[in-house]
Amino acid sequence: MTAEFGAWFAKIALWALPVLFAVSFHEAAHGYVARWLGDDTAARAGRLTLNPIAHVDPFGTILLPLILLLVGGVAFGYAKPVPVNFARLLHPRRDSALVALAGPVTNLLLALAAVLLLPLTMLLPDALARWAQPMLQIMVFFNCIIAVFNMMPIPPLDGGRVAVAVLPRSLARELARLEP
């Protein structure tokens, strides 16, 4: 029982940082790009930060990934969406697509950074490398999964928002109706 608990604890410890980094950077990216394009809603709500506490959804960021890890699955989670007032954007149709793309692009950049850091783990002492290497591998995997998942063209996912922005207006209206 103790060895099993130790294995669960190690798995949770390895996944915690990559999940928090992924969801925090993803959501902050939406807010920063929205501010850059004219909407300061996220800043006024205190959500223009990389601090994970501002983005944590108790179920989606903590409970769901924990349950999935404990039952032997892969951690999957989500954060509270950063508030964006699309009407305040300088060019609402185009800029809403850019705001939506910011999250998944940031996840892909985090995955790339982790890939570039992986070879450097060989320079670390063995005890540290045994943690850093799998954590960076999880960082690559989780960020790629989050980016791909979020680009599905289904509102309210980022891909759905991009699709609404680029489709002809009649189709965009129909797709936008799916958003809760």
N, C-alpha and C. Protein backbone atom coordinates (compact mmCIF):
# COMPACT_ATOMS: atom_id res chain seq x y z
N MET A 1 0.83 -1.21 0.00
CA MET A 1 0.00 0.00 0.00
C MET A 1 0.86 1.26 0.00
N THR A 2 1.94 1.28 0.77
CA THR A 2 2.80 2.47 0.82
C THR A 2 3.52 2.69 -0.49
N ALA A 3 3.96 1.63 -1.15
CA ALA A 3 4.63 1.78 -2.44
C ALA A 3 3.65 2.33 -3.47
N GLU A 4 2.41 1.84 -3.40
CA GLU A 4 1.38 2.33 -4.33
C GLU A 4 1.09 3.81 -4.08
N PHE A 5 0.98 4.19 -2.82
CA PHE A 5 0.75 5.59 -2.47
C PHE A 5 1.92 6.45 -2.93
N GLY A 6 3.13 5.95 -2.75
CA GLY A 6 4.33 6.67 -3.18
C GLY A 6 4.33 6.88 -4.69
N ALA A 7 3.91 5.86 -5.44
CA ALA A 7 3.85 5.97 -6.90
C ALA A 7 2.80 7.00 -7.31
N TRP A 8 1.64 7.01 -6.66
CA TRP A 8 0.60 8.00 -6.96
C TRP A 8 1.10 9.40 -6.65
N PHE A 9 1.73 9.55 -5.49
CA PHE A 9 2.24 10.86 -5.09
C PHE A 9 3.28 11.36 -6.10
N ALA A 10 4.18 10.48 -6.53
CA ALA A 10 5.21 10.86 -7.51
C ALA A 10 4.56 11.27 -8.83
N LYS A 11 3.54 10.53 -9.25
CA LYS A 11 2.85 10.85 -10.50
C LYS A 11 2.18 12.22 -10.42
N ILE A 12 1.52 12.47 -9.31
CA ILE A 12 0.86 13.77 -9.11
C ILE A 12 1.89 14.89 -9.08
N ALA A 13 2.99 14.66 -8.39
CA ALA A 13 4.05 15.67 -8.30
C ALA A 13 4.63 15.98 -9.68
N LEU A 14 4.80 14.95 -10.51
CA LEU A 14 5.36 15.16 -11.85
C LEU A 14 4.41 15.92 -12.76
N TRP A 15 3.12 15.71 -12.60
CA TRP A 15 2.12 16.33 -13.47
C TRP A 15 1.71 17.73 -13.01
N ALA A 16 1.82 18.03 -11.73
CA ALA A 16 1.28 19.28 -11.18
C ALA A 16 1.86 20.52 -11.86
N LEU A 17 3.17 20.61 -11.93
CA LEU A 17 3.79 21.80 -12.50
C LEU A 17 3.47 21.99 -13.99
N PRO A 18 3.61 20.95 -14.81
CA PRO A 18 3.24 21.13 -16.23
C PRO A 18 1.79 21.54 -16.44
N VAL A 19 0.87 20.97 -15.66
CA VAL A 19 -0.55 21.33 -15.81
C VAL A 19 -0.77 22.78 -15.41
N LEU A 20 -0.21 23.19 -14.27
CA LEU A 20 -0.39 24.58 -13.83
C LEU A 20 0.25 25.57 -14.80
N PHE A 21 1.44 25.24 -15.30
CA PHE A 21 2.09 26.10 -16.29
C PHE A 21 1.22 26.20 -17.54
N ALA A 22 0.77 25.07 -18.05
CA ALA A 22 0.01 25.05 -19.30
C ALA A 22 -1.26 25.88 -19.21
N VAL A 23 -2.06 25.66 -18.16
CA VAL A 23 -3.34 26.37 -18.09
C VAL A 23 -3.14 27.85 -17.75
N SER A 24 -2.15 28.16 -16.92
CA SER A 24 -1.90 29.57 -16.56
C SER A 24 -1.40 30.37 -17.76
N PHE A 25 -0.43 29.84 -18.47
CA PHE A 25 0.11 30.54 -19.64
C PHE A 25 -0.96 30.64 -20.73
N HIS A 26 -1.74 29.58 -20.93
CA HIS A 26 -2.79 29.57 -21.94
C HIS A 26 -3.79 30.71 -21.69
N GLU A 27 -4.30 30.77 -20.46
CA GLU A 27 -5.30 31.79 -20.14
C GLU A 27 -4.71 33.20 -20.12
N ALA A 28 -3.52 33.34 -19.56
CA ALA A 28 -2.88 34.67 -19.54
C ALA A 28 -2.64 35.17 -20.96
N ALA A 29 -2.29 34.26 -21.87
CA ALA A 29 -2.05 34.65 -23.27
C ALA A 29 -3.30 35.26 -23.88
N HIS A 30 -4.46 34.65 -23.61
CA HIS A 30 -5.72 35.24 -24.11
C HIS A 30 -5.86 36.67 -23.60
N GLY A 31 -5.63 36.86 -22.31
CA GLY A 31 -5.78 38.19 -21.71
C GLY A 31 -4.80 39.21 -22.24
N TYR A 32 -3.53 38.81 -22.39
CA TYR A 32 -2.52 39.75 -22.89
C TYR A 32 -2.80 40.16 -24.34
N VAL A 33 -3.19 39.19 -25.17
CA VAL A 33 -3.48 39.52 -26.57
C VAL A 33 -4.74 40.39 -26.65
N ALA A 34 -5.74 40.08 -25.84
CA ALA A 34 -6.96 40.91 -25.82
C ALA A 34 -6.62 42.35 -25.42
N ARG A 35 -5.78 42.50 -24.40
CA ARG A 35 -5.39 43.86 -23.99
C ARG A 35 -4.64 44.57 -25.11
N TRP A 36 -3.72 43.86 -25.75
CA TRP A 36 -2.94 44.41 -26.86
C TRP A 36 -3.87 44.87 -27.99
N LEU A 37 -5.01 44.17 -28.15
CA LEU A 37 -5.93 44.48 -29.24
C LEU A 37 -7.11 45.36 -28.81
N GLY A 38 -7.06 45.90 -27.58
CA GLY A 38 -8.04 46.89 -27.18
C GLY A 38 -8.95 46.56 -26.02
N ASP A 39 -8.96 45.34 -25.51
CA ASP A 39 -9.87 44.98 -24.42
C ASP A 39 -9.08 44.75 -23.13
N ASP A 40 -9.37 45.54 -22.11
CA ASP A 40 -8.66 45.41 -20.84
C ASP A 40 -9.49 44.70 -19.77
N THR A 41 -10.52 43.96 -20.18
CA THR A 41 -11.40 43.27 -19.23
C THR A 41 -10.63 42.34 -18.31
N ALA A 42 -9.72 41.55 -18.85
CA ALA A 42 -8.94 40.60 -18.03
C ALA A 42 -8.08 41.34 -17.02
N ALA A 43 -7.48 42.45 -17.43
CA ALA A 43 -6.65 43.23 -16.52
C ALA A 43 -7.49 43.79 -15.38
N ARG A 44 -8.67 44.33 -15.71
CA ARG A 44 -9.54 44.89 -14.69
C ARG A 44 -10.07 43.82 -13.74
N ALA A 45 -10.15 42.57 -14.23
CA ALA A 45 -10.62 41.46 -13.39
C ALA A 45 -9.49 40.80 -12.61
N GLY A 46 -8.27 41.31 -12.75
CA GLY A 46 -7.13 40.73 -12.06
C GLY A 46 -6.67 39.41 -12.64
N ARG A 47 -7.00 39.15 -13.89
CA ARG A 47 -6.68 37.87 -14.51
C ARG A 47 -5.54 37.97 -15.51
N LEU A 48 -4.93 39.14 -15.62
CA LEU A 48 -3.80 39.33 -16.52
C LEU A 48 -2.53 39.00 -15.75
N THR A 49 -2.38 37.72 -15.44
CA THR A 49 -1.27 37.26 -14.61
C THR A 49 -0.93 35.81 -14.95
N LEU A 50 0.31 35.45 -14.66
CA LEU A 50 0.73 34.06 -14.81
C LEU A 50 0.55 33.30 -13.50
N ASN A 51 0.08 33.97 -12.47
CA ASN A 51 -0.16 33.32 -11.18
C ASN A 51 -1.28 32.29 -11.36
N PRO A 52 -0.98 31.01 -11.16
CA PRO A 52 -2.00 29.97 -11.38
C PRO A 52 -3.23 30.13 -10.51
N ILE A 53 -3.09 30.73 -9.34
CA ILE A 53 -4.23 30.88 -8.43
C ILE A 53 -5.35 31.68 -9.09
N ALA A 54 -5.01 32.65 -9.92
CA ALA A 54 -6.02 33.47 -10.60
C ALA A 54 -6.79 32.68 -11.64
N HIS A 55 -6.21 31.59 -12.14
CA HIS A 55 -6.81 30.85 -13.25
C HIS A 55 -7.38 29.49 -12.84
N VAL A 56 -7.13 29.09 -11.59
CA VAL A 56 -7.53 27.76 -11.15
C VAL A 56 -9.05 27.64 -11.05
N ASP A 57 -9.56 26.61 -11.68
CA ASP A 57 -10.95 26.19 -11.51
C ASP A 57 -10.87 24.98 -10.58
N PRO A 58 -11.50 25.00 -9.41
CA PRO A 58 -11.31 23.90 -8.47
C PRO A 58 -11.56 22.51 -9.07
N PHE A 59 -12.58 22.38 -9.88
CA PHE A 59 -12.84 21.08 -10.50
C PHE A 59 -11.89 20.82 -11.67
N GLY A 60 -11.84 21.75 -12.60
CA GLY A 60 -11.11 21.52 -13.85
C GLY A 60 -9.61 21.52 -13.73
N THR A 61 -9.07 22.26 -12.77
CA THR A 61 -7.62 22.37 -12.65
C THR A 61 -7.06 21.46 -11.57
N ILE A 62 -7.87 21.10 -10.58
CA ILE A 62 -7.36 20.29 -9.48
C ILE A 62 -8.02 18.91 -9.44
N LEU A 63 -9.34 18.88 -9.26
CA LEU A 63 -10.03 17.62 -9.03
C LEU A 63 -10.01 16.69 -10.25
N LEU A 64 -10.38 17.18 -11.42
CA LEU A 64 -10.42 16.34 -12.62
C LEU A 64 -9.06 15.73 -12.95
N PRO A 65 -7.98 16.53 -13.04
CA PRO A 65 -6.67 15.90 -13.31
C PRO A 65 -6.26 14.90 -12.23
N LEU A 66 -6.57 15.20 -10.98
CA LEU A 66 -6.22 14.30 -9.88
C LEU A 66 -6.96 12.97 -10.01
N ILE A 67 -8.25 13.03 -10.27
CA ILE A 67 -9.05 11.81 -10.44
C ILE A 67 -8.51 11.00 -11.61
N LEU A 68 -8.26 11.67 -12.74
CA LEU A 68 -7.76 10.95 -13.92
C LEU A 68 -6.41 10.29 -13.65
N LEU A 69 -5.54 10.96 -12.94
CA LEU A 69 -4.25 10.36 -12.60
C LEU A 69 -4.41 9.17 -11.66
N LEU A 70 -5.29 9.31 -10.69
CA LEU A 70 -5.47 8.24 -9.70
C LEU A 70 -6.11 6.99 -10.29
N VAL A 71 -6.91 7.14 -11.34
CA VAL A 71 -7.51 5.96 -11.96
C VAL A 71 -6.64 5.41 -13.09
N GLY A 72 -5.45 5.98 -13.21
CA GLY A 72 -4.49 5.44 -14.18
C GLY A 72 -4.52 6.10 -15.53
N GLY A 73 -5.25 7.18 -15.66
CA GLY A 73 -5.32 7.87 -16.95
C GLY A 73 -4.28 8.96 -17.06
N VAL A 74 -4.47 9.77 -18.04
CA VAL A 74 -3.60 10.92 -18.28
C VAL A 74 -4.29 12.14 -17.70
N ALA A 75 -3.52 12.99 -17.06
CA ALA A 75 -4.10 14.20 -16.49
C ALA A 75 -4.64 15.08 -17.60
N PHE A 76 -5.84 15.54 -17.42
CA PHE A 76 -6.45 16.49 -18.35
C PHE A 76 -7.19 17.48 -17.49
N GLY A 77 -7.13 18.73 -17.85
CA GLY A 77 -7.81 19.73 -17.05
C GLY A 77 -8.06 21.00 -17.82
N TYR A 78 -8.63 21.94 -17.13
CA TYR A 78 -8.90 23.24 -17.73
C TYR A 78 -8.89 24.29 -16.63
N ALA A 79 -8.82 25.52 -17.05
CA ALA A 79 -8.81 26.64 -16.11
C ALA A 79 -10.05 27.49 -16.33
N LYS A 80 -10.25 28.46 -15.43
CA LYS A 80 -11.33 29.43 -15.63
C LYS A 80 -10.97 30.26 -16.85
N PRO A 81 -11.87 30.41 -17.79
CA PRO A 81 -11.56 31.24 -18.96
C PRO A 81 -11.34 32.70 -18.56
N VAL A 82 -10.36 33.32 -19.18
CA VAL A 82 -10.10 34.74 -18.95
C VAL A 82 -11.24 35.52 -19.60
N PRO A 83 -11.83 36.49 -18.88
CA PRO A 83 -12.92 37.25 -19.48
C PRO A 83 -12.42 38.17 -20.60
N VAL A 84 -13.11 38.11 -21.72
CA VAL A 84 -12.79 38.97 -22.86
C VAL A 84 -14.10 39.56 -23.36
N ASN A 85 -14.12 40.87 -23.54
CA ASN A 85 -15.27 41.54 -24.13
C ASN A 85 -14.91 41.79 -25.60
N PHE A 86 -15.37 40.89 -26.46
CA PHE A 86 -14.98 40.95 -27.87
C PHE A 86 -15.44 42.23 -28.56
N ALA A 87 -16.48 42.86 -28.04
CA ALA A 87 -16.96 44.12 -28.62
C ALA A 87 -15.96 45.26 -28.41
N ARG A 88 -15.08 45.12 -27.43
CA ARG A 88 -14.10 46.17 -27.15
C ARG A 88 -12.83 46.03 -27.99
N LEU A 89 -12.71 44.95 -28.73
CA LEU A 89 -11.52 44.75 -29.57
C LEU A 89 -11.55 45.74 -30.73
N LEU A 90 -10.39 46.13 -31.20
CA LEU A 90 -10.29 47.13 -32.28
C LEU A 90 -10.98 46.65 -33.55
N HIS A 91 -10.76 45.41 -33.93
CA HIS A 91 -11.40 44.78 -35.09
C HIS A 91 -12.00 43.47 -34.59
N PRO A 92 -13.22 43.51 -34.05
CA PRO A 92 -13.77 42.37 -33.32
C PRO A 92 -13.70 41.03 -34.04
N ARG A 93 -14.02 40.98 -35.30
CA ARG A 93 -14.04 39.69 -36.01
C ARG A 93 -12.63 39.11 -36.12
N ARG A 94 -11.70 39.90 -36.64
CA ARG A 94 -10.32 39.42 -36.80
C ARG A 94 -9.66 39.20 -35.44
N ASP A 95 -9.82 40.17 -34.55
CA ASP A 95 -9.11 40.13 -33.28
C ASP A 95 -9.61 39.02 -32.36
N SER A 96 -10.89 38.65 -32.48
CA SER A 96 -11.38 37.54 -31.65
C SER A 96 -10.68 36.24 -32.04
N ALA A 97 -10.36 36.09 -33.32
CA ALA A 97 -9.60 34.90 -33.76
C ALA A 97 -8.19 34.95 -33.20
N LEU A 98 -7.57 36.13 -33.19
CA LEU A 98 -6.21 36.25 -32.66
C LEU A 98 -6.18 35.98 -31.15
N VAL A 99 -7.18 36.48 -30.43
CA VAL A 99 -7.26 36.22 -28.99
C VAL A 99 -7.43 34.71 -28.76
N ALA A 100 -8.29 34.07 -29.53
CA ALA A 100 -8.51 32.63 -29.38
C ALA A 100 -7.25 31.84 -29.70
N LEU A 101 -6.53 32.24 -30.74
CA LEU A 101 -5.31 31.52 -31.13
C LEU A 101 -4.18 31.67 -30.11
N ALA A 102 -4.21 32.74 -29.33
CA ALA A 102 -3.13 33.02 -28.38
C ALA A 102 -2.90 31.87 -27.40
N GLY A 103 -3.96 31.26 -26.90
CA GLY A 103 -3.82 30.17 -25.93
C GLY A 103 -3.13 28.94 -26.52
N PRO A 104 -3.69 28.36 -27.59
CA PRO A 104 -3.04 27.18 -28.18
C PRO A 104 -1.63 27.45 -28.71
N VAL A 105 -1.40 28.63 -29.29
CA VAL A 105 -0.05 28.95 -29.77
C VAL A 105 0.92 29.00 -28.59
N THR A 106 0.48 29.57 -27.48
CA THR A 106 1.31 29.61 -26.28
C THR A 106 1.61 28.19 -25.79
N ASN A 107 0.61 27.31 -25.83
CA ASN A 107 0.86 25.92 -25.42
C ASN A 107 1.89 25.26 -26.33
N LEU A 108 1.83 25.52 -27.63
CA LEU A 108 2.82 24.94 -28.54
C LEU A 108 4.20 25.51 -28.28
N LEU A 109 4.28 26.79 -27.94
CA LEU A 109 5.58 27.40 -27.61
C LEU A 109 6.15 26.82 -26.31
N LEU A 110 5.28 26.55 -25.33
CA LEU A 110 5.74 25.91 -24.09
C LEU A 110 6.25 24.50 -24.38
N ALA A 111 5.55 23.77 -25.26
CA ALA A 111 6.00 22.43 -25.63
C ALA A 111 7.36 22.50 -26.32
N LEU A 112 7.53 23.46 -27.21
CA LEU A 112 8.81 23.63 -27.90
C LEU A 112 9.93 23.97 -26.90
N ALA A 113 9.65 24.85 -25.96
CA ALA A 113 10.65 25.20 -24.94
C ALA A 113 11.05 23.96 -24.15
N ALA A 114 10.08 23.13 -23.80
CA ALA A 114 10.39 21.90 -23.05
C ALA A 114 11.23 20.94 -23.89
N VAL A 115 10.92 20.84 -25.18
CA VAL A 115 11.72 19.98 -26.08
C VAL A 115 13.16 20.48 -26.12
N LEU A 116 13.34 21.79 -26.20
CA LEU A 116 14.69 22.36 -26.26
C LEU A 116 15.45 22.20 -24.94
N LEU A 117 14.73 22.15 -23.83
CA LEU A 117 15.36 21.98 -22.53
C LEU A 117 15.69 20.52 -22.21
N LEU A 118 14.98 19.59 -22.83
CA LEU A 118 15.19 18.17 -22.53
C LEU A 118 16.65 17.71 -22.62
N PRO A 119 17.39 18.04 -23.68
CA PRO A 119 18.78 17.57 -23.74
C PRO A 119 19.65 18.12 -22.60
N LEU A 120 19.27 19.27 -22.06
CA LEU A 120 20.05 19.85 -20.97
C LEU A 120 19.92 19.06 -19.67
N THR A 121 18.90 18.21 -19.57
CA THR A 121 18.75 17.41 -18.35
C THR A 121 19.91 16.43 -18.16
N MET A 122 20.62 16.12 -19.25
CA MET A 122 21.79 15.23 -19.13
C MET A 122 22.91 15.90 -18.34
N LEU A 123 22.88 17.21 -18.24
CA LEU A 123 23.91 17.94 -17.50
C LEU A 123 23.59 18.04 -16.01
N LEU A 124 22.39 17.64 -15.62
CA LEU A 124 21.97 17.74 -14.23
C LEU A 124 22.45 16.53 -13.42
N PRO A 125 22.57 16.70 -12.11
CA PRO A 125 22.84 15.53 -11.26
C PRO A 125 21.72 14.51 -11.44
N ASP A 126 22.04 13.23 -11.31
CA ASP A 126 21.07 12.16 -11.57
C ASP A 126 19.76 12.33 -10.80
N ALA A 127 19.85 12.68 -9.53
CA ALA A 127 18.64 12.81 -8.70
C ALA A 127 17.71 13.88 -9.26
N LEU A 128 18.26 14.97 -9.74
CA LEU A 128 17.45 16.04 -10.32
C LEU A 128 16.96 15.67 -11.72
N ALA A 129 17.82 15.05 -12.50
CA ALA A 129 17.46 14.64 -13.87
C ALA A 129 16.31 13.64 -13.86
N ARG A 130 16.25 12.78 -12.84
CA ARG A 130 15.16 11.79 -12.75
C ARG A 130 13.80 12.45 -12.60
N TRP A 131 13.75 13.68 -12.11
CA TRP A 131 12.50 14.44 -12.02
C TRP A 131 12.33 15.38 -13.21
N ALA A 132 13.40 16.05 -13.58
CA ALA A 132 13.31 17.06 -14.64
C ALA A 132 12.96 16.45 -15.98
N GLN A 133 13.56 15.32 -16.32
CA GLN A 133 13.32 14.71 -17.63
C GLN A 133 11.85 14.31 -17.83
N PRO A 134 11.27 13.52 -16.92
CA PRO A 134 9.85 13.18 -17.13
C PRO A 134 8.92 14.39 -17.03
N MET A 135 9.29 15.37 -16.19
CA MET A 135 8.45 16.56 -16.07
C MET A 135 8.44 17.34 -17.39
N LEU A 136 9.59 17.46 -18.03
CA LEU A 136 9.65 18.14 -19.33
C LEU A 136 8.93 17.34 -20.40
N GLN A 137 9.02 16.01 -20.34
CA GLN A 137 8.29 15.18 -21.30
C GLN A 137 6.78 15.35 -21.12
N ILE A 138 6.34 15.41 -19.88
CA ILE A 138 4.92 15.66 -19.60
C ILE A 138 4.53 17.04 -20.10
N MET A 139 5.42 18.01 -19.93
CA MET A 139 5.17 19.38 -20.40
C MET A 139 4.94 19.38 -21.91
N VAL A 140 5.76 18.65 -22.65
CA VAL A 140 5.59 18.55 -24.10
C VAL A 140 4.24 17.91 -24.42
N PHE A 141 4.00 16.76 -23.83
CA PHE A 141 2.78 15.99 -24.10
C PHE A 141 1.53 16.79 -23.76
N PHE A 142 1.45 17.31 -22.53
CA PHE A 142 0.25 17.98 -22.06
C PHE A 142 -0.03 19.25 -22.87
N ASN A 143 1.00 20.04 -23.14
CA ASN A 143 0.79 21.26 -23.91
C ASN A 143 0.34 20.97 -25.33
N CYS A 144 0.88 19.92 -25.94
CA CYS A 144 0.42 19.55 -27.30
C CYS A 144 -1.03 19.09 -27.27
N ILE A 145 -1.38 18.28 -26.28
CA ILE A 145 -2.77 17.80 -26.16
C ILE A 145 -3.73 18.98 -25.94
N ILE A 146 -3.38 19.88 -25.05
CA ILE A 146 -4.24 21.04 -24.77
C ILE A 146 -4.39 21.91 -26.02
N ALA A 147 -3.30 22.11 -26.75
CA ALA A 147 -3.36 22.94 -27.97
C ALA A 147 -4.27 22.30 -29.01
N VAL A 148 -4.09 21.00 -29.24
CA VAL A 148 -4.90 20.31 -30.25
C VAL A 148 -6.37 20.27 -29.82
N PHE A 149 -6.61 19.90 -28.57
CA PHE A 149 -7.99 19.84 -28.07
C PHE A 149 -8.68 21.20 -28.22
N ASN A 150 -8.00 22.27 -27.81
CA ASN A 150 -8.60 23.60 -27.86
C ASN A 150 -8.84 24.10 -29.28
N MET A 151 -8.18 23.53 -30.26
CA MET A 151 -8.38 23.98 -31.64
C MET A 151 -9.51 23.22 -32.35
N MET A 152 -10.21 22.33 -31.63
CA MET A 152 -11.38 21.71 -32.25
C MET A 152 -12.39 22.82 -32.53
N PRO A 153 -12.99 22.82 -33.71
CA PRO A 153 -13.88 23.93 -34.09
C PRO A 153 -15.27 23.84 -33.45
N ILE A 154 -15.28 23.78 -32.13
CA ILE A 154 -16.52 23.67 -31.37
C ILE A 154 -16.54 24.77 -30.31
N PRO A 155 -17.49 25.71 -30.40
CA PRO A 155 -17.59 26.72 -29.34
C PRO A 155 -17.93 26.03 -28.02
N PRO A 156 -17.40 26.44 -26.91
CA PRO A 156 -16.61 27.63 -26.65
C PRO A 156 -15.10 27.41 -26.74
N LEU A 157 -14.66 26.30 -27.32
CA LEU A 157 -13.22 26.07 -27.45
C LEU A 157 -12.61 27.14 -28.36
N ASP A 158 -11.30 27.32 -28.25
CA ASP A 158 -10.61 28.34 -29.04
C ASP A 158 -10.81 28.12 -30.54
N GLY A 159 -10.77 26.88 -30.98
CA GLY A 159 -10.98 26.58 -32.39
C GLY A 159 -12.37 26.98 -32.86
N GLY A 160 -13.35 26.86 -31.98
CA GLY A 160 -14.71 27.30 -32.31
C GLY A 160 -14.78 28.80 -32.49
N ARG A 161 -14.05 29.52 -31.65
CA ARG A 161 -14.02 30.99 -31.77
C ARG A 161 -13.30 31.41 -33.04
N VAL A 162 -12.24 30.68 -33.40
CA VAL A 162 -11.53 30.98 -34.66
C VAL A 162 -12.47 30.71 -35.83
N ALA A 163 -13.17 29.58 -35.79
CA ALA A 163 -14.09 29.23 -36.88
C ALA A 163 -15.17 30.29 -37.03
N VAL A 164 -15.73 30.75 -35.92
CA VAL A 164 -16.77 31.80 -35.97
C VAL A 164 -16.20 33.06 -36.61
N ALA A 165 -14.94 33.35 -36.35
CA ALA A 165 -14.33 34.57 -36.89
C ALA A 165 -14.02 34.48 -38.38
N VAL A 166 -13.75 33.28 -38.89
CA VAL A 166 -13.32 33.17 -40.29
C VAL A 166 -14.41 32.65 -41.23
N LEU A 167 -15.45 32.05 -40.70
CA LEU A 167 -16.52 31.54 -41.56
C LEU A 167 -17.36 32.69 -42.11
N PRO A 168 -18.04 32.48 -43.22
CA PRO A 168 -19.00 33.49 -43.69
C PRO A 168 -20.01 33.77 -42.57
N ARG A 169 -20.49 34.99 -42.51
CA ARG A 169 -21.32 35.42 -41.38
C ARG A 169 -22.52 34.52 -41.12
N SER A 170 -23.17 34.02 -42.16
CA SER A 170 -24.35 33.17 -41.93
C SER A 170 -23.96 31.87 -41.22
N LEU A 171 -22.87 31.25 -41.65
CA LEU A 171 -22.40 30.03 -40.99
C LEU A 171 -21.84 30.34 -39.60
N ALA A 172 -21.17 31.47 -39.48
CA ALA A 172 -20.60 31.87 -38.19
C ALA A 172 -21.70 32.04 -37.14
N ARG A 173 -22.82 32.65 -37.54
CA ARG A 173 -23.94 32.83 -36.61
C ARG A 173 -24.46 31.48 -36.12
N GLU A 174 -24.60 30.54 -37.04
CA GLU A 174 -25.10 29.20 -36.67
C GLU A 174 -24.15 28.52 -35.70
N LEU A 175 -22.86 28.58 -35.98
CA LEU A 175 -21.86 27.95 -35.11
C LEU A 175 -21.82 28.65 -33.75
N ALA A 176 -21.92 29.97 -33.75
CA ALA A 176 -21.86 30.74 -32.50
C ALA A 176 -23.02 30.39 -31.57
N ARG A 177 -24.12 29.94 -32.12
CA ARG A 177 -25.28 29.57 -31.29
C ARG A 177 -24.99 28.37 -30.40
N LEU A 178 -23.98 27.59 -30.75
CA LEU A 178 -23.62 26.41 -29.94
C LEU A 178 -22.95 26.79 -28.63
N GLU A 179 -22.42 28.01 -28.57
CA GLU A 179 -21.70 28.43 -27.36
C GLU A 179 -22.67 28.64 -26.21
N PRO A 180 -22.36 28.05 -25.05
CA PRO A 180 -23.27 28.20 -23.90
C PRO A 180 -23.34 29.63 -23.41
